Amino acid sequence: MESGMELERNGAYPQPIHPGLTRIGWIGVGVMGAAMAARLCTAGYSVSVYARTPSKAEHLRSVGAHFVPSPSDASRGADVVFTMVGHPSDVRETLLHPATGALAGLPPGGVAVDCTSSDPTLAREIEAAAAAKGCWTVDAPVSGGDVGARDGTLAILAGGNEGVVRWLSPLFEKLGTVTWMGPAGSGQSSKIANQIAISGTILGLSEAMVFAERAGLDVPLFLDAVRGGAAGSRALEIFGKRMTMRDFAPGGFAEYVVKDLGMGLRRGGESEGKEEAVKDVVLPGTALCQQLYLAMVANGDGKMGSHGLITVIERLDGKQP
């Protein structure tokens, strides 16, 4: 049990994190963000939420969250503010806007944690802006989809100061398992690499299922038969049944995969001091996957989950939705 002295409030980092004292700001309540914010609320933390459309996350009020009118209001008085928005442009606006951005309201010593899949270069820019006002930042994109967000089993890929990442562990533990990947931007580069891996896996799974159906196999039986072998994967466990049931509800939007793979193709998820080496990386599978996800968006399915990629393979095979 912490002593009263240890729990005495005196700024944020490095004071101990505790549900009775640590105040949280949360910005972004989509499929992932709402579930993650709810886990912190139910753990006993005071959470101030900003949402562009509060009605979409009204259920958060029932677990103790209260809504505020701007990102800066969410961070004002907070010890830690989380962002979970859509695109790098949203991250920039949400964190760096001089009047309404979260950094404008975050007190000295506060920590901004960006869980959005975003740009490594932008993560370093945000770190510099935060440092100029005596704050800290961690880029901490996540993997695990809506199931991981709901169950608190996300893989959290953190870039920034290692000590700050360790300090945040009581919060990260409510969301999943965190790994410190290196300095600012490393979390984002790791997420890009993660997206390259998972998109290729979903493509392989999609093609296997289309082939199995064409061969006259019982597709659910096939998936069950191979799940314990080398073809088994976390993607199969999360998405296989959904794909057979035509359940394409999003954990992450297909259009976001286009964004993430695009960052990989443009920069290879470059890290500081390695830009030239990264520019020479050839990613043919990533380029193909992005083209297929672009086709999915062109078909009007950009708001489907990433596992909806099978619909593109089916169309190419002549099957109409």
C-alpha atoms as a PDB file:
ATOM      1  CA  MET A   1       0.000   0.000   0.000  1.00  0.00           C
ATOM      2  CA  GLU A   2       1.398   3.396  -1.005  1.00  0.00           C
ATOM      3  CA  SER A   3       1.855   5.905   1.776  1.00  0.00           C
ATOM      4  CA  GLY A   4       0.071   9.226   1.804  1.00  0.00           C
ATOM      5  CA  MET A   5       3.392  10.908   1.104  1.00  0.00           C
ATOM      6  CA  GLU A   6       3.980   8.770  -1.993  1.00  0.00           C
ATOM      7  CA  LEU A   7       0.504   9.550  -3.288  1.00  0.00           C
ATOM      8  CA  GLU A   8       0.658  13.274  -2.596  1.00  0.00           C
ATOM      9  CA  ARG A   9      -0.118  15.189  -5.767  1.00  0.00           C
ATOM     10  CA  ASN A  10       2.758  17.327  -6.987  1.00  0.00           C
ATOM     11  CA  GLY A  11       2.393  17.478 -10.747  1.00  0.00           C
ATOM     12  CA  ALA A  12       2.252  14.407 -12.954  1.00  0.00           C
ATOM     13  CA  TYR A  13       5.307  12.410 -14.054  1.00  0.00           C
ATOM     14  CA  PRO A  14       7.036  10.992 -11.998  1.00  0.00           C
ATOM     15  CA  GLN A  15       4.381  10.990  -9.251  1.00  0.00           C
ATOM     16  CA  PRO A  16       2.815   7.518  -8.789  1.00  0.00           C
ATOM     17  CA  ILE A  17      -0.208   6.687 -10.895  1.00  0.00           C
ATOM     18  CA  HIS A  18      -3.232   5.824  -8.791  1.00  0.00           C
ATOM     19  CA  PRO A  19      -6.970   5.677  -9.606  1.00  0.00           C
ATOM     20  CA  GLY A  20      -7.797   8.032  -6.757  1.00  0.00           C
ATOM     21  CA  LEU A  21      -5.368  10.716  -7.871  1.00  0.00           C
ATOM     22  CA  THR A  22      -4.403  10.376 -11.524  1.00  0.00           C
ATOM     23  CA  ARG A  23      -6.677  12.293 -13.865  1.00  0.00           C
ATOM     24  CA  ILE A  24      -7.103  11.126 -17.443  1.00  0.00           C
ATOM     25  CA  GLY A  25      -8.126  12.949 -20.603  1.00  0.00           C
ATOM     26  CA  TRP A  26      -9.365  10.896 -23.546  1.00  0.00           C
ATOM     27  CA  ILE A  27      -9.808  12.124 -27.116  1.00  0.00           C
ATOM     28  CA  GLY A  28     -11.440   9.908 -29.728  1.00  0.00           C
ATOM     29  CA  VAL A  29     -14.268   7.431 -29.091  1.00  0.00           C
ATOM     30  CA  GLY A  30     -14.492   5.280 -32.195  1.00  0.00           C
ATOM     31  CA  VAL A  31     -14.724   1.503 -32.026  1.00  0.00           C
ATOM     32  CA  MET A  32     -11.315   1.193 -30.379  1.00  0.00           C
ATOM     33  CA  GLY A  33     -11.135   4.415 -28.401  1.00  0.00           C
ATOM     34  CA  ALA A  34     -14.492   4.028 -26.677  1.00  0.00           C
ATOM     35  CA  ALA A  35     -13.659   0.515 -25.471  1.00  0.00           C
ATOM     36  CA  MET A  36     -10.221   1.585 -24.223  1.00  0.00           C
ATOM     37  CA  ALA A  37     -11.592   4.642 -22.404  1.00  0.00           C
ATOM     38  CA  ALA A  38     -14.276   2.490 -20.774  1.00  0.00           C
ATOM     39  CA  ARG A  39     -11.627   0.161 -19.348  1.00  0.00           C
ATOM     40  CA  LEU A  40      -9.892   3.086 -17.625  1.00  0.00           C
ATOM     41  CA  CYS A  41     -13.211   4.381 -16.299  1.00  0.00           C
ATOM     42  CA  THR A  42     -14.144   1.024 -14.823  1.00  0.00           C
ATOM     43  CA  ALA A  43     -10.679   0.796 -13.241  1.00  0.00           C
ATOM     44  CA  GLY A  44     -11.615   3.826 -11.156  1.00  0.00           C
ATOM     45  CA  TYR A  45      -9.844   6.646 -12.984  1.00  0.00           C
ATOM     46  CA  SER A  46     -11.423  10.054 -13.476  1.00  0.00           C
ATOM     47  CA  VAL A  47     -11.733  10.388 -17.263  1.00  0.00           C
ATOM     48  CA  SER A  48     -12.642  13.537 -19.210  1.00  0.00           C
ATOM     49  CA  VAL A  49     -13.681  12.665 -22.760  1.00  0.00           C
ATOM     50  CA  TYR A  50     -13.746  14.747 -25.926  1.00  0.00           C
ATOM     51  CA  ALA A  51     -15.692  13.324 -28.849  1.00  0.00           C
ATOM     52  CA  ARG A  52     -16.692  15.075 -32.046  1.00  0.00           C
ATOM     53  CA  THR A  53     -19.980  13.142 -31.845  1.00  0.00           C
ATOM     54  CA  PRO A  54     -20.692  12.518 -28.136  1.00  0.00           C
ATOM     55  CA  SER A  55     -23.900  10.610 -28.877  1.00  0.00           C
ATOM     56  CA  LYS A  56     -21.824   7.761 -30.339  1.00  0.00           C
ATOM     57  CA  ALA A  57     -20.231   7.160 -26.935  1.00  0.00           C
ATOM     58  CA  GLU A  58     -23.085   7.992 -24.604  1.00  0.00           C
ATOM     59  CA  HIS A  59     -22.545   4.662 -22.846  1.00  0.00           C
ATOM     60  CA  LEU A  60     -19.286   6.040 -21.399  1.00  0.00           C
ATOM     61  CA  ARG A  61     -21.301   8.270 -19.087  1.00  0.00           C
ATOM     62  CA  SER A  62     -22.692   5.159 -17.412  1.00  0.00           C
ATOM     63  CA  VAL A  63     -19.172   4.089 -16.402  1.00  0.00           C
ATOM     64  CA  GLY A  64     -18.234   7.502 -15.024  1.00  0.00           C
ATOM     65  CA  ALA A  65     -16.778   9.495 -17.917  1.00  0.00           C
ATOM     66  CA  HIS A  66     -17.741  13.123 -18.354  1.00  0.00           C
ATOM     67  CA  PHE A  67     -17.652  14.918 -21.688  1.00  0.00           C
ATOM     68  CA  VAL A  68     -15.874  18.178 -22.454  1.00  0.00           C
ATOM     69  CA  PRO A  69     -16.145  20.519 -25.450  1.00  0.00           C
ATOM     70  CA  SER A  70     -12.588  20.442 -26.862  1.00  0.00           C
ATOM     71  CA  PRO A  71      -9.298  18.507 -26.820  1.00  0.00           C
ATOM     72  CA  SER A  72      -7.700  21.246 -24.726  1.00  0.00           C
ATOM     73  CA  ASP A  73     -10.499  20.874 -22.167  1.00  0.00           C
ATOM     74  CA  ALA A  74      -9.846  17.116 -22.024  1.00  0.00           C
ATOM     75  CA  SER A  75      -6.192  17.732 -21.164  1.00  0.00           C
ATOM     76  CA  ARG A  76      -6.641  20.764 -18.916  1.00  0.00           C
ATOM     77  CA  GLY A  77      -5.806  19.587 -15.414  1.00  0.00           C
ATOM     78  CA  ALA A  78      -5.079  16.056 -16.641  1.00  0.00           C
ATOM     79  CA  ASP A  79      -2.000  14.077 -15.719  1.00  0.00           C
ATOM     80  CA  VAL A  80      -2.236  11.902 -18.834  1.00  0.00           C
ATOM     81  CA  VAL A  81      -4.185  12.559 -22.015  1.00  0.00           C
ATOM     82  CA  PHE A  82      -4.757   9.818 -24.594  1.00  0.00           C
ATOM     83  CA  THR A  83      -5.575  10.357 -28.255  1.00  0.00           C
ATOM     84  CA  MET A  84      -7.116   7.683 -30.475  1.00  0.00           C
ATOM     85  CA  VAL A  85      -8.231   9.361 -33.689  1.00  0.00           C
ATOM     86  CA  GLY A  86      -8.133   8.519 -37.395  1.00  0.00           C
ATOM     87  CA  HIS A  87      -5.383  10.001 -39.512  1.00  0.00           C
ATOM     88  CA  PRO A  88      -2.093  11.867 -38.956  1.00  0.00           C
ATOM     89  CA  SER A  89      -3.897  15.087 -39.916  1.00  0.00           C
ATOM     90  CA  ASP A  90      -6.348  14.421 -37.071  1.00  0.00           C
ATOM     91  CA  VAL A  91      -3.454  13.791 -34.682  1.00  0.00           C
ATOM     92  CA  ARG A  92      -1.842  17.094 -35.667  1.00  0.00           C
ATOM     93  CA  GLU A  93      -5.063  19.052 -35.213  1.00  0.00           C
ATOM     94  CA  THR A  94      -5.977  17.293 -31.968  1.00  0.00           C
ATOM     95  CA  LEU A  95      -2.614  17.695 -30.282  1.00  0.00           C
ATOM     96  CA  LEU A  96      -0.923  20.718 -31.852  1.00  0.00           C
ATOM     97  CA  HIS A  97      -3.679  23.250 -32.597  1.00  0.00           C
ATOM     98  CA  PRO A  98      -2.499  26.356 -30.706  1.00  0.00           C
ATOM     99  CA  ALA A  99      -5.905  27.147 -29.202  1.00  0.00           C
ATOM    100  CA  THR A 100      -7.890  23.915 -28.929  1.00  0.00           C
ATOM    101  CA  GLY A 101      -5.190  21.223 -29.117  1.00  0.00           C
ATOM    102  CA  ALA A 102      -4.491  18.901 -26.219  1.00  0.00           C
ATOM    103  CA  LEU A 103      -0.964  20.221 -25.677  1.00  0.00           C
ATOM    104  CA  ALA A 104      -2.415  23.719 -25.241  1.00  0.00           C
ATOM    105  CA  GLY A 105      -4.280  22.544 -22.141  1.00  0.00           C
ATOM    106  CA  LEU A 106      -1.855  19.959 -20.726  1.00  0.00           C
ATOM    107  CA  PRO A 107      -0.105  21.196 -17.553  1.00  0.00           C
ATOM    108  CA  PRO A 108       3.697  21.012 -17.217  1.00  0.00           C
ATOM    109  CA  GLY A 109       4.698  17.486 -16.259  1.00  0.00           C
ATOM    110  CA  GLY A 110       1.701  16.015 -18.060  1.00  0.00           C
ATOM    111  CA  VAL A 111       2.027  13.166 -20.537  1.00  0.00           C
ATOM    112  CA  ALA A 112       0.314  12.882 -23.923  1.00  0.00           C
ATOM    113  CA  VAL A 113      -0.099   9.333 -25.226  1.00  0.00           C
ATOM    114  CA  ASP A 114      -1.056   8.964 -28.881  1.00  0.00           C
ATOM    115  CA  CYS A 115      -2.559   5.545 -29.635  1.00  0.00           C
ATOM    116  CA  THR A 116      -3.445   6.454 -33.223  1.00  0.00           C
ATOM    117  CA  SER A 117      -1.615   4.681 -36.041  1.00  0.00           C
ATOM    118  CA  SER A 118       0.250   7.712 -37.302  1.00  0.00           C
ATOM    119  CA  ASP A 119       3.469   9.037 -38.809  1.00  0.00           C
ATOM    120  CA  PRO A 120       6.833   8.491 -37.048  1.00  0.00           C
ATOM    121  CA  THR A 121       8.055  11.941 -38.119  1.00  0.00           C
ATOM    122  CA  LEU A 122       4.937  13.571 -36.669  1.00  0.00           C
ATOM    123  CA  ALA A 123       5.497  11.685 -33.401  1.00  0.00           C
ATOM    124  CA  ARG A 124       8.933  13.281 -33.098  1.00  0.00           C
ATOM    125  CA  GLU A 125       7.492  16.701 -33.930  1.00  0.00           C
ATOM    126  CA  ILE A 126       4.893  16.295 -31.183  1.00  0.00           C
ATOM    127  CA  GLU A 127       7.579  15.208 -28.718  1.00  0.00           C
ATOM    128  CA  ALA A 128       9.561  18.381 -29.431  1.00  0.00           C
ATOM    129  CA  ALA A 129       6.473  20.582 -29.024  1.00  0.00           C
ATOM    130  CA  ALA A 130       5.620  18.902 -25.717  1.00  0.00           C
ATOM    131  CA  ALA A 131       9.163  19.184 -24.385  1.00  0.00           C
ATOM    132  CA  ALA A 132       9.118  22.930 -25.100  1.00  0.00           C
ATOM    133  CA  LYS A 133       6.338  23.318 -22.516  1.00  0.00           C
ATOM    134  CA  GLY A 134       7.704  20.853 -20.000  1.00  0.00           C
ATOM    135  CA  CYS A 135       5.514  17.889 -20.984  1.00  0.00           C
ATOM    136  CA  TRP A 136       6.165  14.365 -22.209  1.00  0.00           C
ATOM    137  CA  THR A 137       4.800  12.323 -25.085  1.00  0.00           C
ATOM    138  CA  VAL A 138       4.601   8.638 -25.940  1.00  0.00           C
ATOM    139  CA  ASP A 139       3.548   7.300 -29.329  1.00  0.00           C
ATOM    140  CA  ALA A 140       1.726   4.079 -28.437  1.00  0.00           C
ATOM    141  CA  PRO A 141      -0.279   2.638 -31.334  1.00  0.00           C
ATOM    142  CA  VAL A 142      -2.019  -0.639 -30.619  1.00  0.00           C
ATOM    143  CA  SER A 143      -2.796  -3.932 -32.321  1.00  0.00           C
ATOM    144  CA  GLY A 144      -5.549  -6.386 -31.480  1.00  0.00           C
ATOM    145  CA  GLY A 145      -8.687  -4.865 -32.968  1.00  0.00           C
ATOM    146  CA  ASP A 146     -11.998  -4.311 -31.255  1.00  0.00           C
ATOM    147  CA  VAL A 147     -11.765  -7.618 -29.392  1.00  0.00           C
ATOM    148  CA  GLY A 148      -8.422  -6.651 -27.861  1.00  0.00           C
ATOM    149  CA  ALA A 149      -9.716  -3.188 -26.957  1.00  0.00           C
ATOM    150  CA  ARG A 150     -12.779  -4.639 -25.254  1.00  0.00           C
ATOM    151  CA  ASP A 151     -10.909  -7.397 -23.411  1.00  0.00           C
ATOM    152  CA  GLY A 152      -7.789  -5.422 -22.492  1.00  0.00           C
ATOM    153  CA  THR A 153      -5.481  -7.658 -24.519  1.00  0.00           C
ATOM    154  CA  LEU A 154      -4.034  -5.136 -26.963  1.00  0.00           C
ATOM    155  CA  ALA A 155      -0.399  -5.194 -27.998  1.00  0.00           C
ATOM    156  CA  ILE A 156       0.849  -1.675 -27.246  1.00  0.00           C
ATOM    157  CA  LEU A 157       3.936  -0.525 -29.168  1.00  0.00           C
ATOM    158  CA  ALA A 158       5.446   2.409 -27.305  1.00  0.00           C
ATOM    159  CA  GLY A 159       7.996   4.965 -28.455  1.00  0.00           C
ATOM    160  CA  GLY A 160       9.406   7.740 -26.286  1.00  0.00           C
ATOM    161  CA  ASN A 161      11.232   8.051 -22.997  1.00  0.00           C
ATOM    162  CA  GLU A 162      11.595   4.560 -21.497  1.00  0.00           C
ATOM    163  CA  GLY A 163      11.077   5.837 -17.949  1.00  0.00           C
ATOM    164  CA  VAL A 164       7.813   7.540 -18.912  1.00  0.00           C
ATOM    165  CA  VAL A 165       6.607   4.352 -20.603  1.00  0.00           C
ATOM    166  CA  ARG A 166       7.369   2.389 -17.425  1.00  0.00           C
ATOM    167  CA  TRP A 167       5.576   5.040 -15.358  1.00  0.00           C
ATOM    168  CA  LEU A 168       2.484   4.628 -17.540  1.00  0.00           C
ATOM    169  CA  SER A 169       2.397   0.864 -16.985  1.00  0.00           C
ATOM    170  CA  PRO A 170      -0.553   0.902 -14.508  1.00  0.00           C
ATOM    171  CA  LEU A 171      -2.668   2.455 -17.268  1.00  0.00           C
ATOM    172  CA  PHE A 172      -1.280   0.328 -20.073  1.00  0.00           C
ATOM    173  CA  GLU A 173      -1.938  -2.815 -18.021  1.00  0.00           C
ATOM    174  CA  LYS A 174      -5.656  -2.041 -18.158  1.00  0.00           C
ATOM    175  CA  LEU A 175      -5.471  -1.935 -21.946  1.00  0.00           C
ATOM    176  CA  GLY A 176      -3.071  -4.738 -22.806  1.00  0.00           C
ATOM    177  CA  THR A 177       0.657  -5.497 -22.869  1.00  0.00           C
ATOM    178  CA  VAL A 178       3.106  -2.695 -23.587  1.00  0.00           C
ATOM    179  CA  THR A 179       6.552  -3.046 -25.148  1.00  0.00           C
ATOM    180  CA  TRP A 180       8.976  -0.125 -25.221  1.00  0.00           C
ATOM    181  CA  MET A 181      10.275  -0.040 -28.796  1.00  0.00           C
ATOM    182  CA  GLY A 182      12.736   2.871 -28.593  1.00  0.00           C
ATOM    183  CA  PRO A 183      12.742   6.667 -28.858  1.00  0.00           C
ATOM    184  CA  ALA A 184       9.906   8.824 -30.176  1.00  0.00           C
ATOM    185  CA  GLY A 185       8.542   7.528 -33.478  1.00  0.00           C
ATOM    186  CA  SER A 186       9.563   3.927 -32.769  1.00  0.00           C
ATOM    187  CA  GLY A 187       6.055   2.983 -31.716  1.00  0.00           C
ATOM    188  CA  GLN A 188       4.648   4.285 -34.984  1.00  0.00           C
ATOM    189  CA  SER A 189       7.323   2.556 -37.053  1.00  0.00           C
ATOM    190  CA  SER A 190       6.528  -0.669 -35.198  1.00  0.00           C
ATOM    191  CA  LYS A 191       2.815  -0.310 -35.951  1.00  0.00           C
ATOM    192  CA  ILE A 192       3.543   0.207 -39.649  1.00  0.00           C
ATOM    193  CA  ALA A 193       5.600  -2.998 -39.636  1.00  0.00           C
ATOM    194  CA  ASN A 194       2.747  -4.710 -37.770  1.00  0.00           C
ATOM    195  CA  GLN A 195       0.271  -3.598 -40.432  1.00  0.00           C
ATOM    196  CA  ILE A 196       2.528  -4.911 -43.186  1.00  0.00           C
ATOM    197  CA  ALA A 197       2.547  -8.299 -41.447  1.00  0.00           C
ATOM    198  CA  ILE A 198      -1.168  -8.486 -40.674  1.00  0.00           C
ATOM    199  CA  SER A 199      -2.351  -7.277 -44.088  1.00  0.00           C
ATOM    200  CA  GLY A 200      -0.268  -9.953 -45.799  1.00  0.00           C
ATOM    201  CA  THR A 201      -1.682 -12.549 -43.410  1.00  0.00           C
ATOM    202  CA  ILE A 202      -5.270 -11.465 -44.079  1.00  0.00           C
ATOM    203  CA  LEU A 203      -4.598 -11.590 -47.820  1.00  0.00           C
ATOM    204  CA  GLY A 204      -3.287 -15.156 -47.524  1.00  0.00           C
ATOM    205  CA  LEU A 205      -6.230 -16.163 -45.347  1.00  0.00           C
ATOM    206  CA  SER A 206      -8.688 -14.599 -47.811  1.00  0.00           C
ATOM    207  CA  GLU A 207      -7.201 -16.385 -50.801  1.00  0.00           C
ATOM    208  CA  ALA A 208      -7.084 -19.708 -48.913  1.00  0.00           C
ATOM    209  CA  MET A 209     -10.769 -19.411 -48.042  1.00  0.00           C
ATOM    210  CA  VAL A 210     -11.784 -18.516 -51.601  1.00  0.00           C
ATOM    211  CA  PHE A 211      -9.737 -21.436 -52.948  1.00  0.00           C
ATOM    212  CA  ALA A 212     -11.179 -23.840 -50.372  1.00  0.00           C
ATOM    213  CA  GLU A 213     -14.733 -22.866 -51.289  1.00  0.00           C
ATOM    214  CA  ARG A 214     -14.005 -23.288 -55.020  1.00  0.00           C
ATOM    215  CA  ALA A 215     -12.547 -26.729 -54.290  1.00  0.00           C
ATOM    216  CA  GLY A 216     -15.813 -27.738 -52.665  1.00  0.00           C
ATOM    217  CA  LEU A 217     -14.471 -27.847 -49.117  1.00  0.00           C
ATOM    218  CA  ASP A 218     -16.405 -27.057 -45.970  1.00  0.00           C
ATOM    219  CA  VAL A 219     -14.620 -23.757 -45.246  1.00  0.00           C
ATOM    220  CA  PRO A 220     -15.253 -23.630 -41.456  1.00  0.00           C
ATOM    221  CA  LEU A 221     -14.069 -27.253 -41.211  1.00  0.00           C
ATOM    222  CA  PHE A 222     -10.962 -26.369 -43.232  1.00  0.00           C
ATOM    223  CA  LEU A 223     -10.140 -23.440 -40.945  1.00  0.00           C
ATOM    224  CA  ASP A 224     -10.587 -25.596 -37.869  1.00  0.00           C
ATOM    225  CA  ALA A 225      -8.353 -28.286 -39.361  1.00  0.00           C
ATOM    226  CA  VAL A 226      -5.415 -25.973 -40.098  1.00  0.00           C
ATOM    227  CA  ARG A 227      -5.556 -23.707 -37.053  1.00  0.00           C
ATOM    228  CA  GLY A 228      -3.167 -25.951 -35.093  1.00  0.00           C
ATOM    229  CA  GLY A 229      -0.634 -26.188 -37.925  1.00  0.00           C
ATOM    230  CA  ALA A 230       1.755 -23.774 -39.563  1.00  0.00           C
ATOM    231  CA  ALA A 231      -1.137 -21.984 -41.293  1.00  0.00           C
ATOM    232  CA  GLY A 232      -2.670 -21.108 -37.937  1.00  0.00           C
ATOM    233  CA  SER A 233      -2.389 -17.483 -36.902  1.00  0.00           C
ATOM    234  CA  ARG A 234      -3.838 -14.874 -34.588  1.00  0.00           C
ATOM    235  CA  ALA A 235      -5.553 -13.405 -37.666  1.00  0.00           C
ATOM    236  CA  LEU A 236      -7.305 -16.715 -38.266  1.00  0.00           C
ATOM    237  CA  GLU A 237      -8.415 -16.848 -34.637  1.00  0.00           C
ATOM    238  CA  ILE A 238      -9.773 -13.293 -34.647  1.00  0.00           C
ATOM    239  CA  PHE A 239     -11.191 -13.080 -38.165  1.00  0.00           C
ATOM    240  CA  GLY A 240     -11.700 -16.578 -39.590  1.00  0.00           C
ATOM    241  CA  LYS A 241     -15.161 -17.225 -38.162  1.00  0.00           C
ATOM    242  CA  ARG A 242     -16.252 -13.659 -38.844  1.00  0.00           C
ATOM    243  CA  MET A 243     -15.243 -14.037 -42.494  1.00  0.00           C
ATOM    244  CA  THR A 244     -17.204 -17.275 -42.915  1.00  0.00           C
ATOM    245  CA  MET A 245     -20.238 -15.582 -41.337  1.00  0.00           C
ATOM    246  CA  ARG A 246     -19.839 -12.464 -43.520  1.00  0.00           C
ATOM    247  CA  ASP A 247     -19.410 -10.369 -40.395  1.00  0.00           C
ATOM    248  CA  PHE A 248     -17.231  -7.478 -41.523  1.00  0.00           C
ATOM    249  CA  ALA A 249     -17.905  -5.142 -38.602  1.00  0.00           C
ATOM    250  CA  PRO A 250     -14.750  -3.094 -38.088  1.00  0.00           C
ATOM    251  CA  GLY A 251     -12.135  -3.384 -35.408  1.00  0.00           C
ATOM    252  CA  GLY A 252     -10.055  -1.151 -37.649  1.00  0.00           C
ATOM    253  CA  PHE A 253     -11.399   0.354 -40.872  1.00  0.00           C
ATOM    254  CA  ALA A 254     -10.073  -0.904 -44.195  1.00  0.00           C
ATOM    255  CA  GLU A 255      -9.434   2.699 -45.199  1.00  0.00           C
ATOM    256  CA  TYR A 256      -7.049   3.016 -42.255  1.00  0.00           C
ATOM    257  CA  VAL A 257      -5.058   0.055 -43.557  1.00  0.00           C
ATOM    258  CA  VAL A 258      -4.589   1.981 -46.809  1.00  0.00           C
ATOM    259  CA  LYS A 259      -3.212   4.858 -44.733  1.00  0.00           C
ATOM    260  CA  ASP A 260      -0.896   2.675 -42.664  1.00  0.00           C
ATOM    261  CA  LEU A 261       0.525   0.742 -45.607  1.00  0.00           C
ATOM    262  CA  GLY A 262       0.956   4.018 -47.483  1.00  0.00           C
ATOM    263  CA  MET A 263       3.156   5.342 -44.685  1.00  0.00           C
ATOM    264  CA  GLY A 264       5.229   2.193 -44.937  1.00  0.00           C
ATOM    265  CA  LEU A 265       5.603   2.516 -48.688  1.00  0.00           C
ATOM    266  CA  ARG A 266       6.514   6.208 -48.470  1.00  0.00           C
ATOM    267  CA  ARG A 267       8.940   5.964 -45.596  1.00  0.00           C
ATOM    268  CA  GLY A 268       9.290   2.331 -44.643  1.00  0.00           C
ATOM    269  CA  GLY A 269       8.488   3.507 -41.113  1.00  0.00           C
ATOM    270  CA  GLU A 270      11.807   5.329 -41.008  1.00  0.00           C
ATOM    271  CA  SER A 271      13.534   5.879 -37.706  1.00  0.00           C
ATOM    272  CA  GLU A 272      15.859   8.719 -36.902  1.00  0.00           C
ATOM    273  CA  GLY A 273      19.253   8.307 -38.535  1.00  0.00           C
ATOM    274  CA  LYS A 274      18.086   5.491 -40.850  1.00  0.00           C
ATOM    275  CA  GLU A 275      16.188   7.385 -43.557  1.00  0.00           C
ATOM    276  CA  GLU A 276      18.549   6.497 -46.400  1.00  0.00           C
ATOM    277  CA  ALA A 277      18.587   2.785 -45.588  1.00  0.00           C
ATOM    278  CA  VAL A 278      14.816   2.691 -45.322  1.00  0.00           C
ATOM    279  CA  LYS A 279      14.338   4.359 -48.708  1.00  0.00           C
ATOM    280  CA  ASP A 280      16.085   1.363 -50.279  1.00  0.00           C
ATOM    281  CA  VAL A 281      13.664  -1.170 -48.769  1.00  0.00           C
ATOM    282  CA  VAL A 282      11.550  -2.932 -51.389  1.00  0.00           C
ATOM    283  CA  LEU A 283       8.065  -3.908 -50.198  1.00  0.00           C
ATOM    284  CA  PRO A 284       6.307  -5.574 -53.152  1.00  0.00           C
ATOM    285  CA  GLY A 285       3.820  -7.494 -50.999  1.00  0.00           C
ATOM    286  CA  THR A 286       2.912  -4.324 -49.133  1.00  0.00           C
ATOM    287  CA  ALA A 287       2.331  -2.499 -52.416  1.00  0.00           C
ATOM    288  CA  LEU A 288       0.041  -5.298 -53.613  1.00  0.00           C
ATOM    289  CA  CYS A 289      -1.886  -5.333 -50.343  1.00  0.00           C
ATOM    290  CA  GLN A 290      -2.382  -1.594 -50.464  1.00  0.00           C
ATOM    291  CA  GLN A 291      -3.722  -1.831 -54.026  1.00  0.00           C
ATOM    292  CA  LEU A 292      -6.207  -4.494 -52.941  1.00  0.00           C
ATOM    293  CA  TYR A 293      -7.329  -2.413 -49.954  1.00  0.00           C
ATOM    294  CA  LEU A 294      -7.658   0.593 -52.269  1.00  0.00           C
ATOM    295  CA  ALA A 295      -9.946  -1.559 -54.412  1.00  0.00           C
ATOM    296  CA  MET A 296     -11.965  -2.326 -51.310  1.00  0.00           C
ATOM    297  CA  VAL A 297     -12.358   1.392 -50.620  1.00  0.00           C
ATOM    298  CA  ALA A 298     -13.276   2.008 -54.289  1.00  0.00           C
ATOM    299  CA  ASN A 299     -15.982  -0.648 -53.924  1.00  0.00           C
ATOM    300  CA  GLY A 300     -17.518   1.460 -51.147  1.00  0.00           C
ATOM    301  CA  ASP A 301     -16.287  -0.833 -48.388  1.00  0.00           C
ATOM    302  CA  GLY A 302     -13.711   1.398 -46.712  1.00  0.00           C
ATOM    303  CA  LYS A 303     -15.657   1.350 -43.435  1.00  0.00           C
ATOM    304  CA  MET A 304     -15.609  -2.428 -43.276  1.00  0.00           C
ATOM    305  CA  GLY A 305     -13.127  -4.186 -41.055  1.00  0.00           C
ATOM    306  CA  SER A 306      -9.761  -5.035 -42.565  1.00  0.00           C
ATOM    307  CA  HIS A 307     -10.789  -8.701 -42.833  1.00  0.00           C
ATOM    308  CA  GLY A 308     -13.337  -7.622 -45.455  1.00  0.00           C
ATOM    309  CA  LEU A 309     -10.436  -7.903 -47.903  1.00  0.00           C
ATOM    310  CA  ILE A 310     -11.868 -11.305 -48.835  1.00  0.00           C
ATOM    311  CA  THR A 311     -14.637  -9.454 -50.716  1.00  0.00           C
ATOM    312  CA  VAL A 312     -12.041  -8.073 -53.134  1.00  0.00           C
ATOM    313  CA  ILE A 313     -10.608 -11.543 -53.786  1.00  0.00           C
ATOM    314  CA  GLU A 314     -14.127 -12.864 -54.322  1.00  0.00           C
ATOM    315  CA  ARG A 315     -14.881 -10.117 -56.837  1.00  0.00           C
ATOM    316  CA  LEU A 316     -11.682 -10.916 -58.715  1.00  0.00           C
ATOM    317  CA  ASP A 317     -12.791 -14.550 -58.735  1.00  0.00           C
ATOM    318  CA  GLY A 318     -16.087 -13.537 -60.309  1.00  0.00           C
ATOM    319  CA  LYS A 319     -18.314 -13.673 -57.253  1.00  0.00           C
ATOM    320  CA  GLN A 320     -20.588 -10.674 -56.888  1.00  0.00           C
ATOM    321  CA  PRO A 321     -21.655  -9.361 -53.462  1.00  0.00           C
END
